[in-house]
Protein backbone atom coordinates (compact mmCIF):
# COMPACT_ATOMS: atom_id res chain seq x y z
CA MET A 1 -44.46 17.98 -121.45
CA ARG A 2 -41.53 15.67 -120.85
CA GLY A 3 -43.97 13.04 -119.58
CA LYS A 4 -45.91 13.13 -122.84
CA PHE A 5 -42.75 12.51 -124.84
CA SER A 6 -41.70 9.67 -122.57
CA ASP A 7 -45.17 8.12 -122.99
CA ALA A 8 -44.88 8.48 -126.76
CA PHE A 9 -41.43 6.88 -126.86
CA ARG A 10 -42.72 4.13 -124.58
CA GLY A 11 -45.43 3.49 -127.19
CA ILE A 12 -42.81 3.16 -129.92
CA PHE A 13 -40.86 0.65 -127.83
CA LEU A 14 -44.04 -1.23 -126.88
CA GLY A 15 -44.68 -1.64 -130.58
CA ALA A 16 -41.70 -3.98 -130.77
CA ALA A 17 -43.78 -6.57 -128.90
CA ASP A 18 -46.26 -6.72 -131.78
CA THR A 19 -45.24 -8.85 -134.76
CA GLY A 20 -46.68 -6.52 -137.42
CA ILE A 21 -45.00 -3.45 -135.96
CA ARG A 22 -41.74 -5.33 -135.40
CA ILE A 23 -41.72 -6.32 -139.09
CA GLN A 24 -42.14 -2.66 -140.05
CA TYR A 25 -39.26 -1.69 -137.75
CA VAL A 26 -37.02 -4.27 -139.45
CA LEU A 27 -38.07 -3.10 -142.92
CA ALA A 28 -37.41 0.51 -141.88
CA LEU A 29 -33.93 -0.44 -140.69
CA LEU A 30 -33.25 -2.23 -143.99
CA ALA A 31 -34.42 0.85 -145.89
CA VAL A 32 -32.02 3.04 -143.91
CA ILE A 33 -29.14 0.63 -144.52
CA ALA A 34 -29.98 0.59 -148.24
CA GLY A 35 -30.06 4.39 -148.18
CA PHE A 36 -26.53 4.55 -146.80
CA ILE A 37 -25.31 1.98 -149.33
CA LEU A 38 -26.91 3.90 -152.19
CA ARG A 39 -25.71 7.25 -150.77
CA LEU A 40 -29.11 8.89 -151.04
CA ASP A 41 -29.22 12.65 -151.43
CA LEU A 42 -31.10 14.95 -149.07
CA LEU A 43 -34.38 14.87 -150.99
CA GLU A 44 -34.29 11.08 -151.25
CA TRP A 45 -33.67 10.80 -147.49
CA ALA A 46 -36.65 13.09 -146.91
CA VAL A 47 -38.86 10.84 -149.04
CA VAL A 48 -37.59 7.68 -147.31
CA SER A 49 -38.12 9.27 -143.87
CA VAL A 50 -41.70 10.26 -144.66
CA CYS A 51 -42.42 6.81 -146.07
CA ILE A 52 -40.97 5.04 -143.04
CA GLY A 53 -42.88 7.32 -140.68
CA SER A 54 -46.14 6.83 -142.56
CA VAL A 55 -45.90 3.04 -142.69
CA VAL A 56 -44.78 2.62 -139.07
CA ALA A 57 -47.39 5.08 -137.78
CA SER A 58 -50.18 3.41 -139.75
CA GLU A 59 -49.11 -0.02 -138.46
CA ILE A 60 -49.10 1.25 -134.87
CA LEU A 61 -52.58 2.76 -135.34
CA ASN A 62 -53.79 -0.45 -137.01
CA THR A 63 -52.63 -2.43 -134.00
CA CYS A 64 -54.42 -0.01 -131.67
CA VAL A 65 -57.65 -0.35 -133.66
CA GLU A 66 -57.38 -4.15 -133.59
CA ARG A 67 -56.80 -4.21 -129.83
CA ILE A 68 -59.70 -1.84 -129.16
CA CYS A 69 -61.96 -4.00 -131.32
CA ASP A 70 -60.81 -7.09 -129.44
CA LEU A 71 -61.78 -5.38 -126.17
CA TYR A 72 -65.25 -4.76 -127.59
CA THR A 73 -65.91 -8.42 -128.43
CA ASP A 74 -64.07 -11.71 -128.64
CA LYS A 75 -66.70 -13.15 -131.01
CA TYR A 76 -66.91 -12.66 -134.76
CA ASP A 77 -68.73 -9.45 -135.59
CA GLU A 78 -69.15 -8.15 -139.15
CA LYS A 79 -68.94 -4.51 -137.96
CA VAL A 80 -65.67 -5.22 -136.15
CA ARG A 81 -64.32 -6.99 -139.23
CA TYR A 82 -65.19 -3.92 -141.33
CA ILE A 83 -63.32 -1.63 -138.90
CA LYS A 84 -60.28 -3.91 -138.80
CA ASP A 85 -60.23 -4.23 -142.59
CA LEU A 86 -60.30 -0.44 -142.96
CA ALA A 87 -57.36 -0.08 -140.57
CA ALA A 88 -55.42 -2.80 -142.39
CA GLY A 89 -56.22 -1.07 -145.68
CA ALA A 90 -54.58 2.10 -144.37
CA VAL A 91 -51.38 0.15 -143.71
CA LEU A 92 -51.53 -1.37 -147.18
CA ALA A 93 -52.05 2.05 -148.81
CA ALA A 94 -49.06 3.52 -146.95
CA SER A 95 -46.96 0.46 -147.82
CA ILE A 96 -47.83 0.66 -151.53
CA ALA A 97 -46.93 4.35 -151.58
CA ALA A 98 -43.62 3.60 -149.82
CA LEU A 99 -42.88 0.82 -152.28
CA ALA A 100 -43.60 3.14 -155.21
CA ALA A 101 -41.22 5.73 -153.76
CA ALA A 102 -38.54 3.07 -153.27
CA VAL A 103 -38.90 1.87 -156.85
CA LEU A 104 -38.64 5.43 -158.17
CA ILE A 105 -35.53 6.12 -156.08
CA LEU A 106 -33.95 2.84 -157.22
CA LEU A 107 -34.82 3.49 -160.88
CA ARG A 108 -33.29 6.93 -160.63
CA ARG A 109 -30.11 5.36 -159.23
CA LEU A 110 -29.93 2.60 -161.82
CA ILE A 111 -30.65 4.69 -164.91
């Protein structure tokens, strides 16, 4: 079991080599810093944690899908484009939901 966790953590660290995942890691760090500055309460931290996890996980899965598709063919393929677009759409959906949560938390703090 320990090996499975070490493989999983290795995957998280490998993600730092990918630009898209690295950007999400930086944005997650900024969100955590903002959370400390704003002194989020427990529920707000829970929301931020779920949002960060969802966006980072979807970006990691998107990168996996893209790499698998690239193994399948190095030429343009409409079916591969469809698959990659779906995976990218999942990242966008998670990001929009995270942004909505951030706006609601900020509005609550400012009003």
